[in-house]
N, C-alpha and C. Protein backbone atom coordinates (compact mmCIF):
# COMPACT_ATOMS: atom_id res chain seq x y z
N MET A 1 13.72 -1.49 7.39
CA MET A 1 13.26 -1.99 5.73
C MET A 1 14.20 -1.10 4.34
N ALA A 2 14.97 -1.98 4.21
CA ALA A 2 15.76 -1.56 3.03
C ALA A 2 14.95 -1.97 1.63
N PHE A 3 15.39 -0.40 1.16
CA PHE A 3 14.43 -0.15 -0.10
C PHE A 3 15.34 0.40 -0.81
N ASP A 4 14.64 0.37 -1.96
CA ASP A 4 15.84 0.74 -3.70
C ASP A 4 14.54 1.34 -4.73
N ASP A 5 15.01 1.72 -5.72
CA ASP A 5 14.49 2.20 -6.69
C ASP A 5 13.92 1.13 -6.80
N ALA A 6 13.44 0.22 -7.84
CA ALA A 6 12.59 -0.48 -8.36
C ALA A 6 11.10 -0.89 -6.96
N ALA A 7 11.67 -1.03 -5.65
CA ALA A 7 10.86 -0.81 -4.69
C ALA A 7 10.02 -0.07 -4.56
N PHE A 8 10.21 1.78 -5.23
CA PHE A 8 9.96 2.49 -4.74
C PHE A 8 9.20 3.04 -5.79
N TRP A 9 8.81 2.69 -6.86
CA TRP A 9 8.25 2.50 -8.40
C TRP A 9 7.19 1.53 -7.94
N HIS A 10 7.56 0.37 -7.62
CA HIS A 10 6.05 -0.49 -7.40
C HIS A 10 5.28 0.17 -6.82
N LEU A 11 5.88 0.67 -5.46
CA LEU A 11 4.44 1.03 -4.60
C LEU A 11 4.24 1.99 -5.00
N ILE A 12 4.86 3.21 -6.08
CA ILE A 12 3.90 4.51 -6.51
C ILE A 12 3.20 3.63 -7.77
N SER A 13 3.61 2.98 -8.71
CA SER A 13 3.16 3.10 -10.18
C SER A 13 2.93 1.80 -9.87
N GLY A 14 2.77 0.18 -9.50
CA GLY A 14 2.40 -0.88 -9.48
C GLY A 14 1.63 -1.09 -8.65
N THR A 15 1.12 -0.60 -7.66
CA THR A 15 -0.39 -1.02 -6.94
C THR A 15 -1.24 -0.07 -7.39
N ARG A 16 -2.02 -0.76 -6.75
CA ARG A 16 -3.21 -0.30 -7.27
C ARG A 16 -3.68 1.30 -6.11
N GLY A 17 -2.54 1.46 -5.21
CA GLY A 17 -2.74 2.54 -4.26
C GLY A 17 -2.24 3.62 -4.56
N GLY A 18 -0.61 3.45 -5.20
CA GLY A 18 -0.40 3.91 -6.18
C GLY A 18 -0.57 5.50 -6.18
N PRO A 19 -1.60 5.90 -7.25
CA PRO A 19 -1.45 7.53 -7.19
C PRO A 19 -1.78 8.02 -5.55
N ASN A 20 -2.36 7.86 -4.69
CA ASN A 20 -2.51 7.91 -3.65
C ASN A 20 -1.34 8.46 -2.85
N ARG A 21 -0.10 7.74 -2.76
CA ARG A 21 0.60 7.05 -2.10
C ARG A 21 1.60 8.58 -2.71
N LEU A 22 1.87 8.86 -4.05
CA LEU A 22 2.61 9.62 -4.80
C LEU A 22 1.45 10.80 -4.01
N GLN A 23 0.91 10.65 -4.53
CA GLN A 23 0.04 11.77 -3.70
C GLN A 23 0.21 12.64 -2.51
N ILE A 24 0.54 11.79 -1.74
CA ILE A 24 0.61 11.49 -0.33
C ILE A 24 1.77 12.42 0.18
N LEU A 25 3.05 12.04 -0.46
CA LEU A 25 4.88 12.12 -1.01
C LEU A 25 4.15 13.87 -1.42
N LEU A 26 3.44 14.49 -2.67
CA LEU A 26 4.00 15.16 -2.99
C LEU A 26 3.42 16.54 -1.98
N GLU A 27 2.51 16.91 -1.73
CA GLU A 27 1.61 16.99 -0.43
C GLU A 27 3.00 17.36 0.54
N LEU A 28 3.60 16.48 1.04
CA LEU A 28 4.24 16.24 2.08
C LEU A 28 5.65 17.10 1.72
N SER A 29 5.84 16.60 0.21
CA SER A 29 7.41 17.57 -0.01
C SER A 29 7.22 19.08 0.27
N ARG A 30 6.06 19.54 0.04
CA ARG A 30 5.78 21.08 0.57
C ARG A 30 5.50 21.06 2.25
N ARG A 31 5.50 20.35 2.39
CA ARG A 31 4.90 20.90 3.91
C ARG A 31 4.54 19.42 4.80
N PRO A 32 4.80 19.78 5.98
CA PRO A 32 4.39 18.53 7.14
C PRO A 32 3.05 18.34 7.08
N TYR A 33 2.20 16.92 7.01
CA TYR A 33 0.30 16.94 7.57
C TYR A 33 0.75 16.05 8.49
N ASN A 34 -0.73 16.66 9.29
CA ASN A 34 -0.92 15.44 9.94
C ASN A 34 -2.38 13.98 9.36
N ALA A 35 -2.52 12.87 9.74
CA ALA A 35 -3.00 11.94 8.95
C ALA A 35 -4.85 12.77 8.57
N ASN A 36 -5.08 13.78 9.52
CA ASN A 36 -6.82 13.82 9.39
C ASN A 36 -6.68 14.98 8.34
N GLN A 37 -5.65 15.88 8.13
CA GLN A 37 -5.54 17.28 7.23
C GLN A 37 -5.52 16.35 5.63
N LEU A 38 -4.54 15.47 6.09
CA LEU A 38 -4.01 14.67 4.61
C LEU A 38 -5.21 14.10 4.03
N SER A 39 -6.02 13.84 4.54
CA SER A 39 -7.34 12.17 4.02
C SER A 39 -8.34 13.72 4.38
N GLU A 40 -8.51 15.45 4.74
CA GLU A 40 -9.42 16.68 4.11
C GLU A 40 -9.11 17.33 2.55
N LEU A 41 -7.30 16.58 2.55
CA LEU A 41 -6.68 17.43 1.42
C LEU A 41 -6.54 16.56 0.35
N LEU A 42 -6.67 15.32 0.27
CA LEU A 42 -7.00 14.74 -0.80
C LEU A 42 -8.40 13.81 -0.53
N ALA A 43 -8.97 14.68 -0.10
CA ALA A 43 -10.52 14.11 0.24
C ALA A 43 -10.61 12.21 0.06
N LEU A 44 -9.40 11.32 0.91
CA LEU A 44 -9.11 10.45 1.17
C LEU A 44 -10.39 9.85 2.41
N ASP A 45 -10.70 8.92 3.32
CA ASP A 45 -11.14 8.34 3.92
C ASP A 45 -10.00 7.99 4.80
N TYR A 46 -9.98 8.79 6.05
CA TYR A 46 -9.06 8.39 6.90
C TYR A 46 -8.56 7.41 6.66
N LYS A 47 -9.13 6.20 7.33
CA LYS A 47 -8.33 5.06 7.50
C LYS A 47 -7.54 4.61 6.44
N THR A 48 -7.95 5.63 5.44
CA THR A 48 -7.19 4.95 3.92
C THR A 48 -6.27 5.23 3.50
N THR A 49 -5.86 7.11 4.21
CA THR A 49 -4.76 7.78 4.77
C THR A 49 -4.18 7.25 5.16
N LYS A 50 -3.99 6.67 6.62
CA LYS A 50 -3.50 6.34 7.75
C LYS A 50 -2.68 5.30 7.21
N ARG A 51 -3.63 3.79 6.49
CA ARG A 51 -2.85 2.79 5.84
C ARG A 51 -1.56 3.02 4.74
N HIS A 52 -2.04 4.04 4.04
CA HIS A 52 -0.82 4.38 3.02
C HIS A 52 -0.06 4.78 3.83
N LEU A 53 0.26 6.44 4.83
CA LEU A 53 0.10 6.30 5.87
C LEU A 53 2.14 5.48 6.30
N GLU A 54 1.06 4.39 6.68
CA GLU A 54 1.10 3.00 7.00
C GLU A 54 2.27 2.55 6.36
N LEU A 55 2.19 2.15 5.26
CA LEU A 55 2.95 1.48 3.87
C LEU A 55 4.12 2.76 3.91
N LEU A 56 3.93 4.01 3.36
CA LEU A 56 5.22 4.55 3.10
C LEU A 56 6.27 4.77 4.70
N LEU A 57 5.62 4.63 5.62
CA LEU A 57 6.28 4.78 7.34
C LEU A 57 7.24 3.35 6.82
N GLN A 58 6.36 1.98 6.24
CA GLN A 58 7.07 0.96 6.53
C GLN A 58 8.73 0.93 5.17
N ALA A 59 8.68 1.56 4.48
CA ALA A 59 9.29 2.18 3.64
C ALA A 59 10.61 3.19 3.78
N SER A 60 10.39 4.03 4.74
CA SER A 60 10.97 4.96 5.32
C SER A 60 11.35 5.56 3.94
N LEU A 61 10.12 6.35 3.36
CA LEU A 61 9.71 7.23 2.56
C LEU A 61 8.65 8.46 3.13
N VAL A 62 8.19 8.39 4.78
CA VAL A 62 7.89 9.65 5.72
C VAL A 62 8.83 9.07 6.76
N GLN A 63 8.11 10.10 7.83
CA GLN A 63 8.60 10.11 9.53
C GLN A 63 8.02 10.41 9.92
N ILE A 64 7.59 10.46 11.12
CA ILE A 64 6.84 10.88 11.85
C ILE A 64 7.35 11.69 12.94
N SER A 65 7.31 12.96 13.33
CA SER A 65 7.27 13.99 14.29
C SER A 65 8.26 13.49 15.62
N GLU A 66 7.00 12.21 16.08
CA GLU A 66 8.00 11.62 18.00
C GLU A 66 7.41 10.49 17.72
N GLU A 67 7.02 10.50 18.38
CA GLU A 67 6.44 8.46 19.05
C GLU A 67 4.50 8.99 18.49
N PRO A 68 4.18 7.71 17.85
CA PRO A 68 3.08 7.91 17.27
C PRO A 68 2.29 7.86 18.28
N LYS A 69 1.23 8.84 17.64
CA LYS A 69 0.19 9.13 18.63
C LYS A 69 -0.84 9.88 17.75
N TYR A 70 -2.20 10.71 18.53
CA TYR A 70 -3.16 11.47 17.47
C TYR A 70 -2.51 12.53 17.54
N GLY A 71 -2.69 12.79 15.63
CA GLY A 71 -2.15 14.48 15.31
C GLY A 71 -0.93 13.99 15.49
N GLU A 72 0.27 13.35 15.39
CA GLU A 72 1.34 13.73 14.62
C GLU A 72 1.74 13.82 13.22
N LEU A 73 2.75 14.42 13.14
CA LEU A 73 2.92 14.61 11.70
C LEU A 73 3.47 14.47 10.93
N TYR A 74 3.21 13.98 9.47
CA TYR A 74 4.24 13.61 9.43
C TYR A 74 4.97 14.35 8.11
N PHE A 75 6.47 14.09 8.13
CA PHE A 75 7.61 14.91 7.18
C PHE A 75 7.88 13.12 5.72
N ILE A 76 7.96 13.87 4.91
CA ILE A 76 9.48 13.58 3.57
C ILE A 76 10.32 13.16 3.90
N THR A 77 11.55 12.01 3.62
CA THR A 77 12.41 11.52 3.94
C THR A 77 13.36 11.77 3.21
N ASP A 78 14.57 12.49 3.32
CA ASP A 78 15.37 12.68 2.16
C ASP A 78 15.32 11.72 0.78
N TYR A 79 15.45 10.37 1.68
CA TYR A 79 15.41 9.90 0.26
C TYR A 79 14.18 9.77 -0.45
N ALA A 80 12.86 10.00 -0.05
CA ALA A 80 11.92 10.52 -1.31
C ALA A 80 11.70 11.41 -1.43
N LYS A 81 12.51 12.56 -1.17
CA LYS A 81 12.84 13.93 -1.98
C LYS A 81 13.65 14.21 -3.13
N GLU A 82 14.54 12.65 -3.50
CA GLU A 82 15.15 12.65 -3.84
C GLU A 82 14.42 11.81 -5.36
N LYS A 83 13.49 10.96 -4.45
CA LYS A 83 12.94 9.83 -5.77
C LYS A 83 11.69 10.65 -6.44
N ILE A 84 11.02 11.68 -5.60
CA ILE A 84 9.95 12.34 -6.15
C ILE A 84 10.27 13.00 -7.29
N LYS A 85 12.02 14.38 -7.05
CA LYS A 85 12.59 14.90 -7.76
C LYS A 85 13.20 14.31 -9.12
N ASP A 86 13.00 12.67 -9.33
CA ASP A 86 13.28 11.66 -10.17
C ASP A 86 11.98 11.69 -10.87
N PHE A 87 10.76 11.36 -10.18
CA PHE A 87 9.72 11.30 -10.89
C PHE A 87 9.26 12.75 -11.48
N GLU A 88 9.74 14.07 -11.24
CA GLU A 88 8.89 14.83 -11.90
C GLU A 88 9.92 14.99 -12.91
N LYS A 89 11.38 15.59 -12.92
CA LYS A 89 11.46 14.92 -13.88
C LYS A 89 11.80 14.05 -15.26
N SER A 90 11.12 12.91 -14.62
CA SER A 90 10.33 11.92 -15.96
C SER A 90 9.40 12.52 -16.88
N LEU A 91 8.84 13.06 -15.42
CA LEU A 91 7.53 13.73 -16.21
C LEU A 91 7.79 14.57 -17.09
N GLU A 92 8.68 15.53 -16.53
CA GLU A 92 9.27 16.71 -17.86
C GLU A 92 9.50 16.73 -19.21
N LYS A 93 9.99 14.66 -19.10
CA LYS A 93 10.71 14.31 -20.26
C LYS A 93 9.43 13.91 -20.94
N ILE A 94 8.06 13.11 -20.42
CA ILE A 94 7.28 13.00 -21.20
C ILE A 94 6.69 14.04 -21.46
N ARG A 95 6.54 15.44 -21.09
CA ARG A 95 5.56 16.09 -21.52
C ARG A 95 6.34 16.81 -22.81
N LYS A 96 8.08 16.39 -22.68
CA LYS A 96 8.67 17.11 -23.87
C LYS A 96 8.38 16.38 -25.32
N TRP A 97 7.79 15.47 -25.33
CA TRP A 97 7.27 14.27 -26.06
C TRP A 97 6.86 14.76 -27.07
C-alpha cells in the first residue's frame, strides 16, 4: 500500500481509533512487542489490538518478525519512526505556545 503523510495523519488523528494506533506506534518505537503484550500494556482488548495492528501493517507502519503466527513480534518501520519524530516535534511546538 502506498502511504503518504496525509494518509498517516488521517490514520492517527482522523479516526476514532487513532489515539490507540498512535500509542501502539509509540510503544513499538521503544521496543518490539507481540499483540498480547501490547494489549496488556495498553489495557486494550486483544481483538482491538490485533485490528489496530492489522491496519498499521496494511499501512506499512509496522512489520512482523516472521510469517504471521501466534506470538510474532511487531516492529515499527523506518517510515513510522520518521513520522513519530515529526509528531513529537509538532507536540513540542504546541507546548511552547
